[in-house]
């Protein structure tokens, strides 16, 4: 008698969606990124003809501030392009850099990958953008993918890779 009830429950459960882990993020999750010794490069798709990839040297200095994780991008051969960004996490941990988090995973080697997706504009055209931030104690990568509204193919607008 118990067997049919168990089988009925199992068949009901198979049809239910799995409960996914919430992709929330905490400031402590970003601690592996802290340090002034990141070296690497930025590769970006040029916004002007010829529309091809350009790669330049880039360094990253990361420090924790009251406002969030401060990211100082330094371009050794193009210092006029140096910039600073404050990476903020929303109060509920569900946004990063002001955009909704769609995934937050940690691999067995300790690499955390955070993905955000949002409506954007690229070259004056409406699009959907996806940012992927991956970081560990020895590697940081940040990649922006773009897909224009009404098109099927996405493309990489830019990607940073840093190591230490």
N, C-alpha and C. Protein backbone atom coordinates (compact mmCIF):
# COMPACT_ATOMS: atom_id res chain seq x y z
N UNK A 1 0.82 -1.19 0.00
CA UNK A 1 0.00 0.00 0.00
C UNK A 1 0.87 1.26 0.00
N UNK A 2 1.99 1.23 0.69
CA UNK A 2 2.87 2.39 0.73
C UNK A 2 3.53 2.64 -0.63
N UNK A 3 3.79 1.60 -1.39
CA UNK A 3 4.47 1.72 -2.66
C UNK A 3 3.71 2.60 -3.65
N UNK A 4 2.39 2.43 -3.85
CA UNK A 4 1.69 3.31 -4.78
C UNK A 4 1.71 4.78 -4.35
N UNK A 5 1.61 5.05 -3.05
CA UNK A 5 1.65 6.43 -2.56
C UNK A 5 3.02 7.03 -2.84
N UNK A 6 4.08 6.28 -2.57
CA UNK A 6 5.44 6.75 -2.82
C UNK A 6 5.64 7.00 -4.31
N UNK A 7 5.17 6.11 -5.14
CA UNK A 7 5.30 6.28 -6.58
C UNK A 7 4.53 7.50 -7.05
N UNK A 8 3.34 7.73 -6.50
CA UNK A 8 2.54 8.89 -6.88
C UNK A 8 3.24 10.19 -6.48
N UNK A 9 3.81 10.23 -5.27
CA UNK A 9 4.55 11.41 -4.83
C UNK A 9 5.77 11.66 -5.70
N UNK A 10 6.48 10.61 -6.03
CA UNK A 10 7.67 10.75 -6.87
C UNK A 10 7.30 11.29 -8.23
N UNK A 11 6.20 10.80 -8.81
CA UNK A 11 5.82 11.28 -10.13
C UNK A 11 5.40 12.75 -10.08
N UNK A 12 4.78 13.16 -8.98
CA UNK A 12 4.42 14.58 -8.83
C UNK A 12 5.67 15.45 -8.71
N UNK A 13 6.63 14.99 -7.92
CA UNK A 13 7.85 15.77 -7.69
C UNK A 13 8.70 15.89 -8.94
N UNK A 14 8.69 14.88 -9.78
CA UNK A 14 9.49 14.93 -11.01
C UNK A 14 9.04 16.09 -11.88
N UNK A 15 7.75 16.39 -11.88
CA UNK A 15 7.24 17.47 -12.71
C UNK A 15 7.43 18.86 -12.13
N UNK A 16 7.86 18.97 -10.88
CA UNK A 16 8.04 20.28 -10.26
C UNK A 16 9.40 20.86 -10.61
N UNK A 17 9.49 22.17 -10.77
CA UNK A 17 10.79 22.77 -11.04
C UNK A 17 11.69 22.67 -9.82
N UNK A 18 12.98 22.52 -10.08
CA UNK A 18 13.94 22.45 -8.97
C UNK A 18 14.09 23.84 -8.36
N UNK A 19 14.31 23.87 -7.07
CA UNK A 19 14.53 25.15 -6.40
C UNK A 19 15.98 25.55 -6.62
N UNK A 20 16.19 26.67 -7.30
CA UNK A 20 17.54 27.13 -7.60
C UNK A 20 18.08 27.94 -6.43
N UNK A 21 19.37 27.86 -6.25
CA UNK A 21 20.02 28.67 -5.23
C UNK A 21 19.97 30.12 -5.66
N UNK A 22 19.67 31.02 -4.76
CA UNK A 22 19.60 32.43 -5.12
C UNK A 22 20.99 32.93 -5.50
N UNK A 23 21.07 33.77 -6.52
CA UNK A 23 22.38 34.22 -6.99
C UNK A 23 22.91 35.42 -6.22
N UNK A 24 22.54 35.60 -4.96
CA UNK A 24 22.94 36.79 -4.22
C UNK A 24 24.46 36.83 -4.01
N UNK A 25 24.95 38.04 -3.80
CA UNK A 25 26.38 38.31 -3.66
C UNK A 25 26.60 39.15 -2.42
N UNK A 26 27.70 38.92 -1.72
CA UNK A 26 28.09 39.70 -0.54
C UNK A 26 29.46 40.31 -0.78
N UNK A 27 29.74 41.41 -0.11
CA UNK A 27 31.02 42.09 -0.26
C UNK A 27 32.18 41.16 0.06
N UNK A 28 32.02 40.28 1.03
CA UNK A 28 33.09 39.34 1.39
C UNK A 28 33.43 38.40 0.22
N UNK A 29 32.46 38.17 -0.69
CA UNK A 29 32.71 37.30 -1.84
C UNK A 29 33.75 37.90 -2.79
N UNK A 30 33.97 39.21 -2.69
CA UNK A 30 34.89 39.91 -3.60
C UNK A 30 36.30 40.03 -3.05
N UNK A 31 36.53 39.57 -1.83
CA UNK A 31 37.83 39.75 -1.18
C UNK A 31 39.01 39.17 -1.96
N UNK A 32 38.87 38.04 -2.70
CA UNK A 32 40.03 37.55 -3.44
C UNK A 32 40.56 38.53 -4.47
N UNK A 33 39.74 39.49 -4.87
CA UNK A 33 40.14 40.45 -5.89
C UNK A 33 41.00 41.58 -5.34
N UNK A 34 41.03 41.77 -4.03
CA UNK A 34 41.74 42.89 -3.43
C UNK A 34 43.25 42.76 -3.65
N UNK A 35 43.86 43.87 -4.06
CA UNK A 35 45.31 43.91 -4.25
C UNK A 35 45.68 44.84 -5.38
N UNK A 36 46.95 45.25 -5.38
CA UNK A 36 47.46 46.20 -6.36
C UNK A 36 48.38 45.55 -7.38
N UNK A 37 48.33 44.25 -7.49
CA UNK A 37 49.34 43.56 -8.29
C UNK A 37 48.76 42.79 -9.48
N UNK A 38 47.64 43.25 -10.02
CA UNK A 38 47.02 42.59 -11.17
C UNK A 38 47.57 43.18 -12.46
N UNK A 39 48.04 42.33 -13.35
CA UNK A 39 48.52 42.78 -14.66
C UNK A 39 47.78 41.99 -15.74
N UNK A 40 47.57 42.63 -16.87
CA UNK A 40 46.87 41.92 -17.94
C UNK A 40 46.64 42.79 -19.14
N UNK A 41 45.44 42.61 -19.73
CA UNK A 41 45.12 43.34 -20.94
C UNK A 41 43.62 43.53 -21.09
N UNK A 42 43.28 44.49 -21.93
CA UNK A 42 41.92 44.74 -22.34
C UNK A 42 41.85 44.50 -23.84
N UNK A 43 40.90 43.68 -24.25
CA UNK A 43 40.64 43.49 -25.68
C UNK A 43 39.23 44.00 -25.93
N UNK A 44 39.10 44.88 -26.91
CA UNK A 44 37.78 45.44 -27.21
C UNK A 44 37.56 45.51 -28.71
N UNK A 45 36.30 45.44 -29.09
CA UNK A 45 35.92 45.59 -30.48
C UNK A 45 35.84 47.08 -30.77
N UNK A 46 36.66 47.55 -31.69
CA UNK A 46 36.75 48.97 -31.99
C UNK A 46 35.38 49.51 -32.41
N UNK A 47 35.04 50.69 -31.91
CA UNK A 47 33.77 51.33 -32.23
C UNK A 47 33.80 52.04 -33.59
N UNK A 48 34.98 52.17 -34.18
CA UNK A 48 35.12 52.84 -35.47
C UNK A 48 35.80 51.90 -36.45
N UNK A 49 35.61 52.19 -37.74
CA UNK A 49 36.26 51.38 -38.78
C UNK A 49 37.77 51.52 -38.64
N UNK A 50 38.50 50.45 -38.75
CA UNK A 50 38.00 49.11 -39.02
C UNK A 50 37.45 48.48 -37.73
N UNK A 51 36.31 47.83 -37.81
CA UNK A 51 35.66 47.23 -36.65
C UNK A 51 36.33 45.89 -36.35
N UNK A 52 37.45 45.98 -35.65
CA UNK A 52 38.20 44.77 -35.31
C UNK A 52 38.69 44.86 -33.88
N UNK A 53 39.16 43.74 -33.36
CA UNK A 53 39.65 43.71 -31.98
C UNK A 53 40.93 44.51 -31.82
N UNK A 54 41.01 45.23 -30.72
CA UNK A 54 42.20 45.97 -30.32
C UNK A 54 42.56 45.47 -28.92
N UNK A 55 43.84 45.21 -28.68
CA UNK A 55 44.30 44.76 -27.37
C UNK A 55 45.33 45.74 -26.85
N UNK A 56 45.12 46.18 -25.59
CA UNK A 56 46.07 47.08 -24.96
C UNK A 56 46.43 46.53 -23.57
N UNK A 57 47.60 46.92 -23.08
CA UNK A 57 48.01 46.51 -21.73
C UNK A 57 47.12 47.19 -20.70
N UNK A 58 46.84 46.46 -19.63
CA UNK A 58 46.02 47.02 -18.55
C UNK A 58 46.44 46.42 -17.23
N UNK A 59 46.40 47.22 -16.19
CA UNK A 59 46.64 46.76 -14.82
C UNK A 59 45.39 47.07 -14.00
N UNK A 60 45.23 46.36 -12.90
CA UNK A 60 44.08 46.56 -12.04
C UNK A 60 44.55 46.64 -10.60
N UNK A 61 44.09 47.66 -9.91
CA UNK A 61 44.31 47.80 -8.47
C UNK A 61 42.94 47.77 -7.82
N UNK A 62 42.74 46.88 -6.87
CA UNK A 62 41.44 46.72 -6.22
C UNK A 62 41.58 46.92 -4.73
N UNK A 63 40.71 47.75 -4.17
CA UNK A 63 40.73 47.99 -2.73
C UNK A 63 39.30 48.12 -2.21
N UNK A 64 39.11 47.71 -0.97
CA UNK A 64 37.80 47.80 -0.35
C UNK A 64 37.64 49.19 0.26
N UNK A 65 36.53 49.85 -0.03
CA UNK A 65 36.21 51.15 0.54
C UNK A 65 34.83 51.06 1.18
N UNK A 66 34.43 52.11 1.87
CA UNK A 66 33.09 52.13 2.47
C UNK A 66 32.01 52.05 1.40
N UNK A 67 32.30 52.58 0.22
CA UNK A 67 31.31 52.61 -0.86
C UNK A 67 31.22 51.27 -1.60
N UNK A 68 32.22 50.43 -1.50
CA UNK A 68 32.25 49.15 -2.22
C UNK A 68 33.66 48.80 -2.63
N UNK A 69 33.79 47.94 -3.61
CA UNK A 69 35.10 47.54 -4.11
C UNK A 69 35.55 48.56 -5.15
N UNK A 70 36.65 49.26 -4.86
CA UNK A 70 37.17 50.25 -5.80
C UNK A 70 38.09 49.56 -6.78
N UNK A 71 37.80 49.72 -8.07
CA UNK A 71 38.61 49.13 -9.13
C UNK A 71 39.28 50.27 -9.90
N UNK A 72 40.60 50.34 -9.81
CA UNK A 72 41.37 51.34 -10.54
C UNK A 72 41.98 50.66 -11.76
N UNK A 73 41.49 51.03 -12.94
CA UNK A 73 42.02 50.50 -14.19
C UNK A 73 43.15 51.41 -14.65
N UNK A 74 44.32 50.84 -14.88
CA UNK A 74 45.50 51.60 -15.29
C UNK A 74 45.98 51.05 -16.63
N UNK A 75 46.15 51.93 -17.58
CA UNK A 75 46.61 51.55 -18.92
C UNK A 75 48.01 52.14 -19.10
N UNK A 76 49.07 51.32 -18.91
CA UNK A 76 50.44 51.83 -18.91
C UNK A 76 50.83 52.64 -20.14
N UNK A 77 50.32 52.27 -21.31
CA UNK A 77 50.68 52.98 -22.54
C UNK A 77 49.65 54.03 -22.95
N UNK A 78 48.57 54.14 -22.19
CA UNK A 78 47.51 55.11 -22.48
C UNK A 78 46.96 55.69 -21.18
N UNK A 79 47.81 56.41 -20.41
CA UNK A 79 47.39 56.88 -19.09
C UNK A 79 46.18 57.82 -19.12
N UNK A 80 45.91 58.47 -20.24
CA UNK A 80 44.73 59.34 -20.34
C UNK A 80 43.43 58.54 -20.21
N UNK A 81 43.50 57.23 -20.42
CA UNK A 81 42.31 56.37 -20.34
C UNK A 81 42.11 55.76 -18.95
N UNK A 82 43.05 56.00 -18.02
CA UNK A 82 42.90 55.44 -16.67
C UNK A 82 41.54 55.80 -16.09
N UNK A 83 40.96 54.87 -15.33
CA UNK A 83 39.64 55.14 -14.76
C UNK A 83 39.45 54.38 -13.45
N UNK A 84 38.47 54.83 -12.69
CA UNK A 84 38.13 54.20 -11.42
C UNK A 84 36.64 53.90 -11.41
N UNK A 85 36.30 52.71 -10.93
CA UNK A 85 34.91 52.28 -10.82
C UNK A 85 34.70 51.77 -9.40
N UNK A 86 33.57 52.09 -8.81
CA UNK A 86 33.20 51.52 -7.51
C UNK A 86 32.20 50.40 -7.78
N UNK A 87 32.60 49.19 -7.50
CA UNK A 87 31.74 48.02 -7.70
C UNK A 87 30.86 47.87 -6.47
N UNK A 88 29.59 48.19 -6.63
CA UNK A 88 28.65 48.15 -5.51
C UNK A 88 27.75 46.92 -5.63
N UNK A 89 27.40 46.40 -4.48
CA UNK A 89 26.44 45.30 -4.39
C UNK A 89 25.17 45.89 -3.79
N UNK A 90 24.03 45.55 -4.37
CA UNK A 90 22.75 46.03 -3.85
C UNK A 90 22.53 45.56 -2.43
N UNK A 91 21.72 46.29 -1.67
CA UNK A 91 21.44 45.96 -0.28
C UNK A 91 20.94 44.53 -0.11
N UNK A 92 20.19 44.04 -1.08
CA UNK A 92 19.66 42.68 -0.98
C UNK A 92 20.61 41.64 -1.57
N UNK A 93 21.76 42.09 -2.11
CA UNK A 93 22.74 41.18 -2.69
C UNK A 93 22.35 40.65 -4.06
N UNK A 94 21.29 41.20 -4.64
CA UNK A 94 20.79 40.68 -5.91
C UNK A 94 21.18 41.54 -7.12
N UNK A 95 21.92 42.64 -6.88
CA UNK A 95 22.44 43.44 -7.98
C UNK A 95 23.93 43.66 -7.77
N UNK A 96 24.65 43.81 -8.87
CA UNK A 96 26.08 44.08 -8.85
C UNK A 96 26.34 45.11 -9.94
N UNK A 97 27.02 46.17 -9.58
CA UNK A 97 27.30 47.27 -10.50
C UNK A 97 25.99 47.87 -11.03
N UNK A 98 24.94 47.80 -10.20
CA UNK A 98 23.65 48.37 -10.56
C UNK A 98 22.80 47.49 -11.46
N UNK A 99 23.26 46.30 -11.78
CA UNK A 99 22.54 45.42 -12.69
C UNK A 99 22.12 44.14 -11.98
N UNK A 100 20.99 43.54 -12.37
CA UNK A 100 20.52 42.32 -11.71
C UNK A 100 21.44 41.13 -11.94
N UNK A 101 21.73 40.41 -10.86
CA UNK A 101 22.57 39.21 -10.94
C UNK A 101 21.70 38.06 -11.44
N UNK A 102 22.17 37.39 -12.49
CA UNK A 102 21.45 36.24 -13.02
C UNK A 102 22.11 34.92 -12.62
N UNK A 103 23.38 34.98 -12.24
CA UNK A 103 24.08 33.77 -11.79
C UNK A 103 25.23 34.17 -10.88
N UNK A 104 25.53 33.30 -9.93
CA UNK A 104 26.64 33.50 -9.00
C UNK A 104 27.11 32.11 -8.60
N UNK A 105 28.20 31.66 -9.21
CA UNK A 105 28.66 30.30 -9.01
C UNK A 105 30.12 30.29 -8.56
N UNK A 106 30.48 29.26 -7.81
CA UNK A 106 31.87 29.04 -7.40
C UNK A 106 32.27 27.65 -7.86
N UNK A 107 33.38 27.57 -8.60
CA UNK A 107 33.86 26.28 -9.09
C UNK A 107 34.71 25.60 -8.02
N UNK A 108 35.06 24.36 -8.27
CA UNK A 108 35.85 23.59 -7.30
C UNK A 108 37.23 24.21 -7.07
N UNK A 109 37.75 24.98 -8.03
CA UNK A 109 39.06 25.61 -7.84
C UNK A 109 38.96 26.97 -7.13
N UNK A 110 37.73 27.36 -6.73
CA UNK A 110 37.55 28.59 -5.98
C UNK A 110 37.25 29.82 -6.82
N UNK A 111 37.12 29.66 -8.13
CA UNK A 111 36.79 30.79 -8.99
C UNK A 111 35.31 31.13 -8.85
N UNK A 112 35.04 32.38 -8.51
CA UNK A 112 33.65 32.86 -8.44
C UNK A 112 33.32 33.54 -9.75
N UNK A 113 32.17 33.19 -10.33
CA UNK A 113 31.69 33.81 -11.56
C UNK A 113 30.32 34.42 -11.30
N UNK A 114 30.23 35.72 -11.52
CA UNK A 114 28.99 36.46 -11.33
C UNK A 114 28.57 36.98 -12.70
N UNK A 115 27.31 36.76 -13.04
CA UNK A 115 26.78 37.21 -14.33
C UNK A 115 25.62 38.15 -14.08
N UNK A 116 25.61 39.26 -14.83
CA UNK A 116 24.48 40.19 -14.80
C UNK A 116 23.97 40.34 -16.22
N UNK A 117 22.68 40.64 -16.36
CA UNK A 117 22.08 40.85 -17.68
C UNK A 117 21.13 42.03 -17.59
N UNK A 118 21.12 42.84 -18.65
CA UNK A 118 20.33 44.07 -18.60
C UNK A 118 20.15 44.65 -20.00
N UNK A 119 19.13 45.49 -20.16
CA UNK A 119 18.93 46.21 -21.40
C UNK A 119 20.01 47.29 -21.50
N UNK A 120 20.52 47.49 -22.71
CA UNK A 120 21.59 48.47 -22.90
C UNK A 120 21.48 49.08 -24.29
N UNK A 121 22.41 49.93 -24.59
CA UNK A 121 22.51 50.51 -25.92
C UNK A 121 23.96 50.37 -26.37
N UNK A 122 24.15 50.00 -27.63
CA UNK A 122 25.49 49.84 -28.16
C UNK A 122 25.50 50.42 -29.58
N UNK A 123 26.38 51.35 -29.83
CA UNK A 123 26.48 52.00 -31.14
C UNK A 123 25.13 52.62 -31.54
N UNK A 124 24.40 53.16 -30.52
CA UNK A 124 23.13 53.81 -30.79
C UNK A 124 21.97 52.85 -31.03
N UNK A 125 22.20 51.56 -30.82
CA UNK A 125 21.16 50.55 -31.05
C UNK A 125 20.74 49.90 -29.74
N UNK A 126 19.46 49.63 -29.59
CA UNK A 126 18.96 48.92 -28.41
C UNK A 126 19.50 47.50 -28.42
N UNK A 127 19.86 47.03 -27.24
CA UNK A 127 20.48 45.71 -27.15
C UNK A 127 20.25 45.13 -25.76
N UNK A 128 20.67 43.90 -25.59
CA UNK A 128 20.75 43.25 -24.29
C UNK A 128 22.23 43.00 -24.03
N UNK A 129 22.68 43.33 -22.82
CA UNK A 129 24.08 43.12 -22.47
C UNK A 129 24.18 42.10 -21.35
N UNK A 130 25.26 41.36 -21.38
CA UNK A 130 25.55 40.41 -20.32
C UNK A 130 27.00 40.64 -19.89
N UNK A 131 27.17 40.86 -18.59
CA UNK A 131 28.51 41.03 -18.02
C UNK A 131 28.84 39.77 -17.24
N UNK A 132 30.05 39.27 -17.44
CA UNK A 132 30.51 38.11 -16.68
C UNK A 132 31.79 38.51 -15.95
N UNK A 133 31.75 38.40 -14.63
CA UNK A 133 32.89 38.71 -13.77
C UNK A 133 33.36 37.41 -13.15
N UNK A 134 34.61 37.03 -13.42
CA UNK A 134 35.16 35.80 -12.83
C UNK A 134 36.42 36.18 -12.08
N UNK A 135 36.52 35.72 -10.83
CA UNK A 135 37.72 36.07 -10.08
C UNK A 135 38.07 35.00 -9.07
N UNK A 136 39.38 34.89 -8.87
CA UNK A 136 39.95 33.98 -7.88
C UNK A 136 41.14 34.69 -7.28
N UNK A 137 41.93 33.99 -6.50
CA UNK A 137 43.11 34.60 -5.87
C UNK A 137 44.19 34.93 -6.90
N UNK A 138 44.13 34.31 -8.09
CA UNK A 138 45.20 34.50 -9.08
C UNK A 138 44.73 35.00 -10.44
N UNK A 139 43.42 35.12 -10.64
CA UNK A 139 42.91 35.51 -11.96
C UNK A 139 41.62 36.32 -11.83
N UNK A 140 41.52 37.37 -12.65
CA UNK A 140 40.29 38.16 -12.77
C UNK A 140 39.98 38.31 -14.26
N UNK A 141 38.73 38.09 -14.62
CA UNK A 141 38.30 38.40 -15.99
C UNK A 141 36.94 39.07 -15.93
N UNK A 142 36.75 40.02 -16.84
CA UNK A 142 35.50 40.76 -16.95
C UNK A 142 35.18 40.82 -18.43
N UNK A 143 33.99 40.32 -18.81
CA UNK A 143 33.63 40.25 -20.23
C UNK A 143 32.24 40.83 -20.44
N UNK A 144 32.10 41.64 -21.49
CA UNK A 144 30.80 42.20 -21.87
C UNK A 144 30.39 41.62 -23.21
N UNK A 145 29.22 40.96 -23.21
CA UNK A 145 28.63 40.43 -24.43
C UNK A 145 27.42 41.28 -24.78
N UNK A 146 27.18 41.48 -26.07
CA UNK A 146 26.08 42.31 -26.55
C UNK A 146 25.31 41.54 -27.61
N UNK A 147 23.99 41.64 -27.55
CA UNK A 147 23.14 41.13 -28.63
C UNK A 147 22.13 42.22 -28.96
N UNK A 148 22.15 42.66 -30.21
CA UNK A 148 21.23 43.71 -30.63
C UNK A 148 19.80 43.16 -30.66
N UNK A 149 18.85 43.99 -30.26
CA UNK A 149 17.44 43.60 -30.29
C UNK A 149 17.08 43.15 -31.71
N UNK A 150 16.39 42.02 -31.80
CA UNK A 150 15.97 41.50 -33.10
C UNK A 150 17.00 40.66 -33.81
N UNK A 151 18.18 40.49 -33.21
CA UNK A 151 19.22 39.67 -33.83
C UNK A 151 19.47 38.43 -32.98
N UNK A 152 20.03 37.41 -33.59
CA UNK A 152 20.24 36.14 -32.90
C UNK A 152 21.65 35.96 -32.36
N UNK A 153 22.61 36.63 -32.96
CA UNK A 153 24.02 36.42 -32.60
C UNK A 153 24.52 37.50 -31.64
N UNK A 154 25.18 37.07 -30.58
CA UNK A 154 25.81 38.03 -29.67
C UNK A 154 27.27 38.19 -30.08
N UNK A 155 27.88 39.25 -29.59
CA UNK A 155 29.31 39.46 -29.83
C UNK A 155 29.96 40.02 -28.57
N UNK A 156 31.27 39.82 -28.47
CA UNK A 156 32.02 40.33 -27.33
C UNK A 156 32.40 41.77 -27.63
N UNK A 157 31.94 42.68 -26.78
CA UNK A 157 32.31 44.09 -26.93
C UNK A 157 33.68 44.34 -26.31
N UNK A 158 33.92 43.77 -25.11
CA UNK A 158 35.24 43.92 -24.50
C UNK A 158 35.47 42.82 -23.49
N UNK A 159 36.74 42.63 -23.17
CA UNK A 159 37.11 41.62 -22.16
C UNK A 159 38.43 42.02 -21.52
N UNK A 160 38.42 42.02 -20.21
CA UNK A 160 39.64 42.22 -19.42
C UNK A 160 40.10 40.86 -18.91
N UNK A 161 41.40 40.64 -18.89
CA UNK A 161 41.97 39.47 -18.22
C UNK A 161 43.18 39.95 -17.43
N UNK A 162 43.22 39.57 -16.16
CA UNK A 162 44.31 39.94 -15.26
C UNK A 162 44.78 38.71 -14.50
N UNK A 163 46.07 38.69 -14.22
CA UNK A 163 46.65 37.63 -13.37
C UNK A 163 47.60 38.27 -12.38
N UNK A 164 47.94 37.47 -11.36
CA UNK A 164 48.98 37.91 -10.41
C UNK A 164 49.71 36.69 -9.88
